[in-house]
Amino acid sequence: MNYPEFNKYKEEFDNKNPYSKKYILDDGSMFYVEPAFYTQLIGFKTYRPESFEKILNEIERLVRKNKKVVFVGNFEFPQTEVDQFIFLEITDVTDPLKIFVEDKSRGSDYGD
């Protein structure tokens, strides 16, 4: 799968984590993007296009700050196996920016 939003970074294949894309920034910081995270990210591109560039900038800021990051679909069940990396979900990126997508798929609290 190609992630064009991250084309400006150097991509490096990791045999131990073939399903996650690994990227390296110019300062040596690195990050992985799991497929589920990318799907969620594209959801924001679809439903909040006006905020998408801000989200991408925040991803880069978090990587530069923390040096080693894995962007996961669910931190309790990561696909990527690495040591000394922090694991962040999409809401760890978007909630501090106050960018939300309403989840309309959940059931109603209205009783019958």
PDB file of N, CA and C in Angstrom:
ATOM      1  N   MET A   1       0.849  -1.179   0.000  1.00  0.00           N
ATOM      2  CA  MET A   1       0.000   0.000   0.000  1.00  0.00           C
ATOM      3  C   MET A   1       0.892   1.238   0.000  1.00  0.00           C
ATOM      4  N   ASN A   2       0.515   2.210  -0.782  1.00  0.00           N
ATOM      5  CA  ASN A   2       1.269   3.451  -0.884  1.00  0.00           C
ATOM      6  C   ASN A   2       0.614   4.527  -0.015  1.00  0.00           C
ATOM      7  N   TYR A   3       1.426   5.248   0.754  1.00  0.00           N
ATOM      8  CA  TYR A   3       0.936   6.324   1.608  1.00  0.00           C
ATOM      9  C   TYR A   3       1.521   7.644   1.098  1.00  0.00           C
ATOM     10  N   PRO A   4       0.911   8.255   0.086  1.00  0.00           N
ATOM     11  CA  PRO A   4       1.498   9.443  -0.541  1.00  0.00           C
ATOM     12  C   PRO A   4       1.673  10.634   0.401  1.00  0.00           C
ATOM     13  N   GLU A   5       0.907  10.676   1.467  1.00  0.00           N
ATOM     14  CA  GLU A   5       1.030  11.790   2.421  1.00  0.00           C
ATOM     15  C   GLU A   5       2.398  11.816   3.087  1.00  0.00           C
ATOM     16  N   PHE A   6       3.111  10.695   3.063  1.00  0.00           N
ATOM     17  CA  PHE A   6       4.408  10.606   3.729  1.00  0.00           C
ATOM     18  C   PHE A   6       5.568  10.476   2.738  1.00  0.00           C
ATOM     19  N   ASN A   7       5.326  10.767   1.457  1.00  0.00           N
ATOM     20  CA  ASN A   7       6.357  10.632   0.431  1.00  0.00           C
ATOM     21  C   ASN A   7       7.567  11.538   0.645  1.00  0.00           C
ATOM     22  N   LYS A   8       7.418  12.599   1.409  1.00  0.00           N
ATOM     23  CA  LYS A   8       8.547  13.509   1.609  1.00  0.00           C
ATOM     24  C   LYS A   8       9.590  12.945   2.578  1.00  0.00           C
ATOM     25  N   TYR A   9       9.263  11.835   3.236  1.00  0.00           N
ATOM     26  CA  TYR A   9      10.183  11.195   4.166  1.00  0.00           C
ATOM     27  C   TYR A   9      10.846   9.991   3.496  1.00  0.00           C
ATOM     28  N   LYS A  10      12.011   9.650   3.984  1.00  0.00           N
ATOM     29  CA  LYS A  10      12.702   8.467   3.481  1.00  0.00           C
ATOM     30  C   LYS A  10      11.963   7.230   3.985  1.00  0.00           C
ATOM     31  N   GLU A  11      11.673   6.312   3.083  1.00  0.00           N
ATOM     32  CA  GLU A  11      11.002   5.068   3.462  1.00  0.00           C
ATOM     33  C   GLU A  11      12.039   3.958   3.567  1.00  0.00           C
ATOM     34  N   GLU A  12      11.884   3.139   4.604  1.00  0.00           N
ATOM     35  CA  GLU A  12      12.804   2.025   4.818  1.00  0.00           C
ATOM     36  C   GLU A  12      11.986   0.778   5.136  1.00  0.00           C
ATOM     37  N   PHE A  13      12.228  -0.311   4.408  1.00  0.00           N
ATOM     38  CA  PHE A  13      11.489  -1.541   4.649  1.00  0.00           C
ATOM     39  C   PHE A  13      12.054  -2.252   5.872  1.00  0.00           C
ATOM     40  N   ASP A  14      11.172  -2.736   6.726  1.00  0.00           N
ATOM     41  CA  ASP A  14      11.558  -3.466   7.924  1.00  0.00           C
ATOM     42  C   ASP A  14      11.014  -4.894   7.803  1.00  0.00           C
ATOM     43  N   ASN A  15      11.917  -5.860   7.623  1.00  0.00           N
ATOM     44  CA  ASN A  15      11.516  -7.261   7.457  1.00  0.00           C
ATOM     45  C   ASN A  15      10.709  -7.795   8.630  1.00  0.00           C
ATOM     46  N   LYS A  16      10.979  -7.283   9.838  1.00  0.00           N
ATOM     47  CA  LYS A  16      10.268  -7.755  11.023  1.00  0.00           C
ATOM     48  C   LYS A  16       8.850  -7.204  11.101  1.00  0.00           C
ATOM     49  N   ASN A  17       8.584  -6.141  10.375  1.00  0.00           N
ATOM     50  CA  ASN A  17       7.269  -5.491  10.402  1.00  0.00           C
ATOM     51  C   ASN A  17       6.815  -5.189   8.974  1.00  0.00           C
ATOM     52  N   PRO A  18       6.556  -6.219   8.183  1.00  0.00           N
ATOM     53  CA  PRO A  18       6.261  -6.005   6.762  1.00  0.00           C
ATOM     54  C   PRO A  18       4.937  -5.304   6.470  1.00  0.00           C
ATOM     55  N   TYR A  19       4.031  -5.258   7.441  1.00  0.00           N
ATOM     56  CA  TYR A  19       2.735  -4.639   7.193  1.00  0.00           C
ATOM     57  C   TYR A  19       2.694  -3.166   7.587  1.00  0.00           C
ATOM     58  N   SER A  20       3.737  -2.694   8.244  1.00  0.00           N
ATOM     59  CA  SER A  20       3.806  -1.299   8.660  1.00  0.00           C
ATOM     60  C   SER A  20       4.871  -0.580   7.840  1.00  0.00           C
ATOM     61  N   LYS A  21       4.547   0.624   7.423  1.00  0.00           N
ATOM     62  CA  LYS A  21       5.508   1.436   6.685  1.00  0.00           C
ATOM     63  C   LYS A  21       6.403   2.167   7.680  1.00  0.00           C
ATOM     64  N   LYS A  22       7.693   2.141   7.423  1.00  0.00           N
ATOM     65  CA  LYS A  22       8.654   2.828   8.287  1.00  0.00           C
ATOM     66  C   LYS A  22       9.200   4.028   7.528  1.00  0.00           C
ATOM     67  N   TYR A  23       9.240   5.170   8.221  1.00  0.00           N
ATOM     68  CA  TYR A  23       9.729   6.405   7.631  1.00  0.00           C
ATOM     69  C   TYR A  23      10.786   7.022   8.538  1.00  0.00           C
ATOM     70  N   ILE A  24      11.733   7.719   7.913  1.00  0.00           N
ATOM     71  CA  ILE A  24      12.806   8.376   8.649  1.00  0.00           C
ATOM     72  C   ILE A  24      12.844   9.843   8.236  1.00  0.00           C
ATOM     73  N   LEU A  25      12.870  10.719   9.238  1.00  0.00           N
ATOM     74  CA  LEU A  25      12.942  12.150   8.994  1.00  0.00           C
ATOM     75  C   LEU A  25      14.397  12.579   8.841  1.00  0.00           C
ATOM     76  N   ASP A  26      14.595  13.795   8.387  1.00  0.00           N
ATOM     77  CA  ASP A  26      15.939  14.313   8.152  1.00  0.00           C
ATOM     78  C   ASP A  26      16.772  14.423   9.424  1.00  0.00           C
ATOM     79  N   ASP A  27      16.137  14.472  10.581  1.00  0.00           N
ATOM     80  CA  ASP A  27      16.881  14.564  11.849  1.00  0.00           C
ATOM     81  C   ASP A  27      17.152  13.185  12.465  1.00  0.00           C
ATOM     82  N   GLY A  28      16.776  12.110  11.743  1.00  0.00           N
ATOM     83  CA  GLY A  28      16.982  10.755  12.241  1.00  0.00           C
ATOM     84  C   GLY A  28      15.805  10.184  13.010  1.00  0.00           C
ATOM     85  N   SER A  29      14.828  11.005  13.328  1.00  0.00           N
ATOM     86  CA  SER A  29      13.611  10.498  13.972  1.00  0.00           C
ATOM     87  C   SER A  29      12.936   9.528  13.018  1.00  0.00           C
ATOM     88  N   MET A  30      12.232   8.556  13.587  1.00  0.00           N
ATOM     89  CA  MET A  30      11.581   7.574  12.728  1.00  0.00           C
ATOM     90  C   MET A  30      10.193   7.239  13.237  1.00  0.00           C
ATOM     91  N   PHE A  31       9.365   6.764  12.314  1.00  0.00           N
ATOM     92  CA  PHE A  31       8.019   6.362  12.698  1.00  0.00           C
ATOM     93  C   PHE A  31       7.511   5.277  11.768  1.00  0.00           C
ATOM     94  N   TYR A  32       6.583   4.503  12.313  1.00  0.00           N
ATOM     95  CA  TYR A  32       5.875   3.474  11.562  1.00  0.00           C
ATOM     96  C   TYR A  32       4.420   3.898  11.445  1.00  0.00           C
ATOM     97  N   VAL A  33       3.796   3.521  10.348  1.00  0.00           N
ATOM     98  CA  VAL A  33       2.367   3.750  10.147  1.00  0.00           C
ATOM     99  C   VAL A  33       1.726   2.394   9.873  1.00  0.00           C
ATOM    100  N   GLU A  34       0.835   1.990  10.762  1.00  0.00           N
ATOM    101  CA  GLU A  34       0.100   0.750  10.557  1.00  0.00           C
ATOM    102  C   GLU A  34      -1.074   0.999   9.605  1.00  0.00           C
ATOM    103  N   PRO A  35      -1.481  -0.027   8.865  1.00  0.00           N
ATOM    104  CA  PRO A  35      -2.595   0.137   7.922  1.00  0.00           C
ATOM    105  C   PRO A  35      -3.878   0.672   8.565  1.00  0.00           C
ATOM    106  N   ALA A  36      -4.218   0.208   9.754  1.00  0.00           N
ATOM    107  CA  ALA A  36      -5.448   0.681  10.412  1.00  0.00           C
ATOM    108  C   ALA A  36      -5.355   2.170  10.741  1.00  0.00           C
ATOM    109  N   PHE A  37      -4.185   2.630  11.182  1.00  0.00           N
ATOM    110  CA  PHE A  37      -4.008   4.059  11.454  1.00  0.00           C
ATOM    111  C   PHE A  37      -4.195   4.843  10.166  1.00  0.00           C
ATOM    112  N   TYR A  38      -3.602   4.354   9.089  1.00  0.00           N
ATOM    113  CA  TYR A  38      -3.709   5.068   7.820  1.00  0.00           C
ATOM    114  C   TYR A  38      -5.166   5.161   7.362  1.00  0.00           C
ATOM    115  N   THR A  39      -5.913   4.100   7.531  1.00  0.00           N
ATOM    116  CA  THR A  39      -7.332   4.113   7.182  1.00  0.00           C
ATOM    117  C   THR A  39      -8.072   5.178   7.993  1.00  0.00           C
ATOM    118  N   GLN A  40      -7.763   5.263   9.277  1.00  0.00           N
ATOM    119  CA  GLN A  40      -8.383   6.277  10.130  1.00  0.00           C
ATOM    120  C   GLN A  40      -7.962   7.683   9.697  1.00  0.00           C
ATOM    121  N   LEU A  41      -6.688   7.834   9.337  1.00  0.00           N
ATOM    122  CA  LEU A  41      -6.185   9.131   8.875  1.00  0.00           C
ATOM    123  C   LEU A  41      -6.929   9.577   7.623  1.00  0.00           C
ATOM    124  N   ILE A  42      -7.124   8.666   6.699  1.00  0.00           N
ATOM    125  CA  ILE A  42      -7.846   8.999   5.471  1.00  0.00           C
ATOM    126  C   ILE A  42      -9.306   9.337   5.768  1.00  0.00           C
ATOM    127  N   GLY A  43      -9.858   8.746   6.819  1.00  0.00           N
ATOM    128  CA  GLY A  43     -11.200   9.129   7.254  1.00  0.00           C
ATOM    129  C   GLY A  43     -11.267  10.608   7.606  1.00  0.00           C
ATOM    130  N   PHE A  44     -10.235  11.096   8.256  1.00  0.00           N
ATOM    131  CA  PHE A  44     -10.188  12.528   8.576  1.00  0.00           C
ATOM    132  C   PHE A  44     -10.032  13.356   7.307  1.00  0.00           C
ATOM    133  N   LYS A  45      -9.284  12.849   6.356  1.00  0.00           N
ATOM    134  CA  LYS A  45      -9.125  13.558   5.075  1.00  0.00           C
ATOM    135  C   LYS A  45     -10.478  13.673   4.373  1.00  0.00           C
ATOM    136  N   THR A  46     -11.296  12.639   4.495  1.00  0.00           N
ATOM    137  CA  THR A  46     -12.615  12.619   3.869  1.00  0.00           C
ATOM    138  C   THR A  46     -13.603  13.523   4.591  1.00  0.00           C
ATOM    139  N   TYR A  47     -13.658  13.404   5.927  1.00  0.00           N
ATOM    140  CA  TYR A  47     -14.691  14.101   6.692  1.00  0.00           C
ATOM    141  C   TYR A  47     -14.258  15.451   7.247  1.00  0.00           C
ATOM    142  N   ARG A  48     -12.965  15.689   7.342  1.00  0.00           N
ATOM    143  CA  ARG A  48     -12.454  16.977   7.843  1.00  0.00           C
ATOM    144  C   ARG A  48     -11.307  17.475   6.962  1.00  0.00           C
ATOM    145  N   PRO A  49     -11.534  17.624   5.652  1.00  0.00           N
ATOM    146  CA  PRO A  49     -10.451  17.991   4.734  1.00  0.00           C
ATOM    147  C   PRO A  49      -9.775  19.314   5.090  1.00  0.00           C
ATOM    148  N   GLU A  50     -10.529  20.226   5.688  1.00  0.00           N
ATOM    149  CA  GLU A  50      -9.956  21.515   6.063  1.00  0.00           C
ATOM    150  C   GLU A  50      -8.915  21.388   7.175  1.00  0.00           C
ATOM    151  N   SER A  51      -8.908  20.275   7.888  1.00  0.00           N
ATOM    152  CA  SER A  51      -7.981  20.064   9.008  1.00  0.00           C
ATOM    153  C   SER A  51      -6.861  19.077   8.689  1.00  0.00           C
ATOM    154  N   PHE A  52      -6.877  18.516   7.489  1.00  0.00           N
ATOM    155  CA  PHE A  52      -5.957  17.420   7.189  1.00  0.00           C
ATOM    156  C   PHE A  52      -4.491  17.852   7.251  1.00  0.00           C
ATOM    157  N   GLU A  53      -4.159  18.994   6.702  1.00  0.00           N
ATOM    158  CA  GLU A  53      -2.766  19.464   6.729  1.00  0.00           C
ATOM    159  C   GLU A  53      -2.300  19.698   8.168  1.00  0.00           C
ATOM    160  N   LYS A  54      -3.180  20.198   8.997  1.00  0.00           N
ATOM    161  CA  LYS A  54      -2.870  20.408  10.413  1.00  0.00           C
ATOM    162  C   LYS A  54      -2.561  19.070  11.100  1.00  0.00           C
ATOM    163  N   ILE A  55      -3.299  18.039  10.755  1.00  0.00           N
ATOM    164  CA  ILE A  55      -3.069  16.703  11.322  1.00  0.00           C
ATOM    165  C   ILE A  55      -1.712  16.172  10.883  1.00  0.00           C
ATOM    166  N   LEU A  56      -1.397  16.305   9.599  1.00  0.00           N
ATOM    167  CA  LEU A  56      -0.096  15.846   9.109  1.00  0.00           C
ATOM    168  C   LEU A  56       1.049  16.605   9.777  1.00  0.00           C
ATOM    169  N   ASN A  57       0.882  17.892   9.984  1.00  0.00           N
ATOM    170  CA  ASN A  57       1.909  18.678  10.678  1.00  0.00           C
ATOM    171  C   ASN A  57       2.083  18.218  12.116  1.00  0.00           C
ATOM    172  N   GLU A  58       0.981  17.856  12.756  1.00  0.00           N
ATOM    173  CA  GLU A  58       1.046  17.373  14.140  1.00  0.00           C
ATOM    174  C   GLU A  58       1.732  16.012  14.199  1.00  0.00           C
ATOM    175  N   ILE A  59       1.498  15.164  13.221  1.00  0.00           N
ATOM    176  CA  ILE A  59       2.191  13.875  13.164  1.00  0.00           C
ATOM    177  C   ILE A  59       3.694  14.109  13.104  1.00  0.00           C
ATOM    178  N   GLU A  60       4.131  14.992  12.234  1.00  0.00           N
ATOM    179  CA  GLU A  60       5.562  15.276  12.133  1.00  0.00           C
ATOM    180  C   GLU A  60       6.097  15.875  13.428  1.00  0.00           C
ATOM    181  N   ARG A  61       5.351  16.790  14.031  1.00  0.00           N
ATOM    182  CA  ARG A  61       5.796  17.397  15.292  1.00  0.00           C
ATOM    183  C   ARG A  61       5.974  16.336  16.372  1.00  0.00           C
ATOM    184  N   LEU A  62       5.021  15.417  16.470  1.00  0.00           N
ATOM    185  CA  LEU A  62       5.104  14.356  17.478  1.00  0.00           C
ATOM    186  C   LEU A  62       6.296  13.439  17.238  1.00  0.00           C
ATOM    187  N   VAL A  63       6.583  13.144  15.988  1.00  0.00           N
ATOM    188  CA  VAL A  63       7.736  12.297  15.674  1.00  0.00           C
ATOM    189  C   VAL A  63       9.025  13.021  16.035  1.00  0.00           C
ATOM    190  N   ARG A  64       9.147  14.271  15.659  1.00  0.00           N
ATOM    191  CA  ARG A  64      10.368  15.033  15.983  1.00  0.00           C
ATOM    192  C   ARG A  64      10.553  15.155  17.497  1.00  0.00           C
ATOM    193  N   LYS A  65       9.474  15.309  18.217  1.00  0.00           N
ATOM    194  CA  LYS A  65       9.540  15.438  19.675  1.00  0.00           C
ATOM    195  C   LYS A  65       9.926  14.118  20.344  1.00  0.00           C
ATOM    196  N   ASN A  66       9.322  13.017  19.910  1.00  0.00           N
ATOM    197  CA  ASN A  66       9.493  11.729  20.585  1.00  0.00           C
ATOM    198  C   ASN A  66      10.551  10.820  19.959  1.00  0.00           C
ATOM    199  N   LYS A  67      10.989  11.150  18.757  1.00  0.00           N
ATOM    200  CA  LYS A  67      12.082  10.454  18.040  1.00  0.00           C
ATOM    201  C   LYS A  67      11.717   9.082  17.489  1.00  0.00           C
ATOM    202  N   LYS A  68      10.924   8.285  18.196  1.00  0.00           N
ATOM    203  CA  LYS A  68      10.549   6.941  17.747  1.00  0.00           C
ATOM    204  C   LYS A  68       9.079   6.714  18.070  1.00  0.00           C
ATOM    205  N   VAL A  69       8.259   6.670  17.015  1.00  0.00           N
ATOM    206  CA  VAL A  69       6.811   6.589  17.200  1.00  0.00           C
ATOM    207  C   VAL A  69       6.230   5.522  16.274  1.00  0.00           C
ATOM    208  N   VAL A  70       5.254   4.796  16.782  1.00  0.00           N
ATOM    209  CA  VAL A  70       4.445   3.898  15.960  1.00  0.00           C
ATOM    210  C   VAL A  70       3.020   4.429  16.008  1.00  0.00           C
ATOM    211  N   PHE A  71       2.473   4.737  14.842  1.00  0.00           N
ATOM    212  CA  PHE A  71       1.085   5.174  14.747  1.00  0.00           C
ATOM    213  C   PHE A  71       0.243   3.924  14.478  1.00  0.00           C
ATOM    214  N   VAL A  72      -0.547   3.560  15.485  1.00  0.00           N
ATOM    215  CA  VAL A  72      -1.266   2.285  15.487  1.00  0.00           C
ATOM    216  C   VAL A  72      -2.768   2.489  15.339  1.00  0.00           C
ATOM    217  N   GLY A  73      -3.426   1.437  14.903  1.00  0.00           N
ATOM    218  CA  GLY A  73      -4.885   1.448  14.881  1.00  0.00           C
ATOM    219  C   GLY A  73      -5.447   1.274  16.272  1.00  0.00           C
ATOM    220  N   ASN A  74      -4.783   0.449  17.089  1.00  0.00           N
ATOM    221  CA  ASN A  74      -5.215   0.181  18.455  1.00  0.00           C
ATOM    222  C   ASN A  74      -3.973  -0.168  19.279  1.00  0.00           C
ATOM    223  N   PHE A  75      -3.651   0.664  20.259  1.00  0.00           N
ATOM    224  CA  PHE A  75      -2.402   0.454  21.004  1.00  0.00           C
ATOM    225  C   PHE A  75      -2.430  -0.824  21.847  1.00  0.00           C
ATOM    226  N   GLU A  76      -3.598  -1.359  22.127  1.00  0.00           N
ATOM    227  CA  GLU A  76      -3.681  -2.604  22.892  1.00  0.00           C
ATOM    228  C   GLU A  76      -3.338  -3.826  22.040  1.00  0.00           C
ATOM    229  N   PHE A  77      -3.470  -3.687  20.734  1.00  0.00           N
ATOM    230  CA  PHE A  77      -3.185  -4.790  19.806  1.00  0.00           C
ATOM    231  C   PHE A  77      -2.368  -4.290  18.621  1.00  0.00           C
ATOM    232  N   PRO A  78      -1.157  -3.814  18.871  1.00  0.00           N
ATOM    233  CA  PRO A  78      -0.356  -3.289  17.752  1.00  0.00           C
ATOM    234  C   PRO A  78       0.106  -4.404  16.820  1.00  0.00           C
ATOM    235  N   GLN A  79       0.245  -4.073  15.552  1.00  0.00           N
ATOM    236  CA  GLN A  79       0.790  -5.003  14.564  1.00  0.00           C
ATOM    237  C   GLN A  79       2.311  -4.903  14.505  1.00  0.00           C
ATOM    238  N   THR A  80       2.836  -3.785  14.945  1.00  0.00           N
ATOM    239  CA  THR A  80       4.257  -3.495  14.827  1.00  0.00           C
ATOM    240  C   THR A  80       4.969  -3.876  16.114  1.00  0.00           C
ATOM    241  N   GLU A  81       6.039  -4.650  15.970  1.00  0.00           N
ATOM    242  CA  GLU A  81       6.811  -5.076  17.135  1.00  0.00           C
ATOM    243  C   GLU A  81       8.179  -4.405  17.112  1.00  0.00           C
ATOM    244  N   VAL A  82       8.347  -3.416  17.997  1.00  0.00           N
ATOM    245  CA  VAL A  82       9.607  -2.683  18.123  1.00  0.00           C
ATOM    246  C   VAL A  82       9.818  -2.338  19.593  1.00  0.00           C
ATOM    247  N   ASP A  83      11.055  -2.107  19.966  1.00  0.00           N
ATOM    248  CA  ASP A  83      11.388  -1.700  21.323  1.00  0.00           C
ATOM    249  C   ASP A  83      11.701  -0.212  21.357  1.00  0.00           C
ATOM    250  N   GLN A  84      11.392   0.406  22.467  1.00  0.00           N
ATOM    251  CA  GLN A  84      11.736   1.798  22.745  1.00  0.00           C
ATOM    252  C   GLN A  84      11.046   2.791  21.812  1.00  0.00           C
ATOM    253  N   PHE A  85       9.860   2.450  21.358  1.00  0.00           N
ATOM    254  CA  PHE A  85       9.020   3.350  20.569  1.00  0.00           C
ATOM    255  C   PHE A  85       7.781   3.665  21.392  1.00  0.00           C
ATOM    256  N   ILE A  86       7.203   4.828  21.193  1.00  0.00           N
ATOM    257  CA  ILE A  86       5.906   5.099  21.787  1.00  0.00           C
ATOM    258  C   ILE A  86       4.833   4.765  20.753  1.00  0.00           C
ATOM    259  N   PHE A  87       3.674   4.374  21.230  1.00  0.00           N
ATOM    260  CA  PHE A  87       2.559   3.984  20.378  1.00  0.00           C
ATOM    261  C   PHE A  87       1.458   5.026  20.517  1.00  0.00           C
ATOM    262  N   LEU A  88       1.036   5.587  19.388  1.00  0.00           N
ATOM    263  CA  LEU A  88      -0.006   6.607  19.379  1.00  0.00           C
ATOM    264  C   LEU A  88      -1.119   6.209  18.431  1.00  0.00           C
ATOM    265  N   GLU A  89      -2.343   6.472  18.852  1.00  0.00           N
ATOM    266  CA  GLU A  89      -3.519   6.257  18.011  1.00  0.00           C
ATOM    267  C   GLU A  89      -3.906   7.571  17.353  1.00  0.00           C
ATOM    268  N   ILE A  90      -4.819   7.513  16.410  1.00  0.00           N
ATOM    269  CA  ILE A  90      -5.241   8.712  15.689  1.00  0.00           C
ATOM    270  C   ILE A  90      -5.785   9.776  16.648  1.00  0.00           C
ATOM    271  N   THR A  91      -6.488   9.364  17.691  1.00  0.00           N
ATOM    272  CA  THR A  91      -7.042  10.349  18.628  1.00  0.00           C
ATOM    273  C   THR A  91      -5.948  11.026  19.453  1.00  0.00           C
ATOM    274  N   ASP A  92      -4.791  10.382  19.603  1.00  0.00           N
ATOM    275  CA  ASP A  92      -3.668  11.033  20.279  1.00  0.00           C
ATOM    276  C   ASP A  92      -3.138  12.200  19.450  1.00  0.00           C
ATOM    277  N   VAL A  93      -3.392  12.147  18.164  1.00  0.00           N
ATOM    278  CA  VAL A  93      -2.986  13.223  17.259  1.00  0.00           C
ATOM    279  C   VAL A  93      -4.086  14.272  17.147  1.00  0.00           C
ATOM    280  N   THR A  94      -5.307  13.825  16.952  1.00  0.00           N
ATOM    281  CA  THR A  94      -6.399  14.748  16.626  1.00  0.00           C
ATOM    282  C   THR A  94      -7.087  15.389  17.829  1.00  0.00           C
ATOM    283  N   ASP A  95      -7.225  14.664  18.933  1.00  0.00           N
ATOM    284  CA  ASP A  95      -7.938  15.232  20.090  1.00  0.00           C
ATOM    285  C   ASP A  95      -7.278  16.500  20.629  1.00  0.00           C
ATOM    286  N   PRO A  96      -5.943  16.538  20.815  1.00  0.00           N
ATOM    287  CA  PRO A  96      -5.336  17.781  21.299  1.00  0.00           C
ATOM    288  C   PRO A  96      -5.529  18.964  20.337  1.00  0.00           C
ATOM    289  N   LEU A  97      -5.737  18.655  19.059  1.00  0.00           N
ATOM    290  CA  LEU A  97      -5.984  19.705  18.070  1.00  0.00           C
ATOM    291  C   LEU A  97      -7.458  20.106  18.038  1.00  0.00           C
ATOM    292  N   LYS A  98      -8.269  19.391  18.820  1.00  0.00           N
ATOM    293  CA  LYS A  98      -9.722  19.598  18.858  1.00  0.00           C
ATOM    294  C   LYS A  98     -10.357  19.356  17.482  1.00  0.00           C
ATOM    295  N   ILE A  99      -9.858  18.300  16.830  1.00  0.00           N
ATOM    296  CA  ILE A  99     -10.402  17.871  15.542  1.00  0.00           C
ATOM    297  C   ILE A  99     -11.062  16.522  15.781  1.00  0.00           C
ATOM    298  N   PHE A 100     -12.356  16.477  15.552  1.00  0.00           N
ATOM    299  CA  PHE A 100     -13.117  15.274  15.838  1.00  0.00           C
ATOM    300  C   PHE A 100     -13.969  14.881  14.637  1.00  0.00           C
ATOM    301  N   VAL A 101     -14.240  13.596  14.523  1.00  0.00           N
ATOM    302  CA  VAL A 101     -15.217  13.092  13.564  1.00  0.00           C
ATOM    303  C   VAL A 101     -16.276  12.402  14.389  1.00  0.00           C
ATOM    304  N   GLU A 102     -17.516  12.816  14.218  1.00  0.00           N
ATOM    305  CA  GLU A 102     -18.619  12.227  14.976  1.00  0.00           C
ATOM    306  C   GLU A 102     -18.826  10.790  14.536  1.00  0.00           C
ATOM    307  N   ASP A 103     -18.899   9.904  15.503  1.00  0.00           N
ATOM    308  CA  ASP A 103     -19.140   8.493  15.222  1.00  0.00           C
ATOM    309  C   ASP A 103     -20.640   8.261  15.179  1.00  0.00           C
ATOM    310  N   LYS A 104     -21.185   8.182  13.978  1.00  0.00           N
ATOM    311  CA  LYS A 104     -22.626   7.994  13.822  1.00  0.00           C
ATOM    312  C   LYS A 104     -23.005   6.527  13.703  1.00  0.00           C
ATOM    313  N   SER A 105     -22.016   5.646  13.814  1.00  0.00           N
ATOM    314  CA  SER A 105     -22.298   4.225  13.633  1.00  0.00           C
ATOM    315  C   SER A 105     -22.731   3.537  14.922  1.00  0.00           C
ATOM    316  N   ARG A 106     -22.526   4.175  16.046  1.00  0.00           N
ATOM    317  CA  ARG A 106     -22.871   3.518  17.298  1.00  0.00           C
ATOM    318  C   ARG A 106     -24.377   3.541  17.521  1.00  0.00           C
ATOM    319  N   GLY A 107     -24.831   2.660  18.371  1.00  0.00           N
ATOM    320  CA  GLY A 107     -26.256   2.543  18.664  1.00  0.00           C
ATOM    321  C   GLY A 107     -26.783   3.741  19.418  1.00  0.00           C
ATOM    322  N   SER A 108     -28.036   3.900  19.399  1.00  0.00           N
ATOM    323  CA  SER A 108     -28.684   4.998  20.073  1.00  0.00           C
ATOM    324  C   SER A 108     -28.827   4.707  21.566  1.00  0.00           C
ATOM    325  N   ASP A 109     -28.800   5.752  22.386  1.00  0.00           N
ATOM    326  CA  ASP A 109     -29.063   5.623  23.810  1.00  0.00           C
ATOM    327  C   ASP A 109     -30.560   5.753  24.098  1.00  0.00           C
ATOM    328  N   TYR A 110     -31.332   6.000  23.066  1.00  0.00           N
ATOM    329  CA  TYR A 110     -32.755   6.193  23.206  1.00  0.00           C
ATOM    330  C   TYR A 110     -33.445   4.843  23.417  1.00  0.00           C
ATOM    331  N   GLY A 111     -34.178   4.722  24.483  1.00  0.00           N
ATOM    332  CA  GLY A 111     -34.853   3.454  24.785  1.00  0.00           C
ATOM    333  C   GLY A 111     -36.183   3.324  24.079  1.00  0.00           C
ATOM    334  N   ASP A 112     -36.598   2.104  23.869  1.00  0.00           N
ATOM    335  CA  ASP A 112     -37.915   1.858  23.241  1.00  0.00           C
ATOM    336  C   ASP A 112     -38.965   1.659  24.310  1.00  0.00           C
TER     337      ASP A 112
END
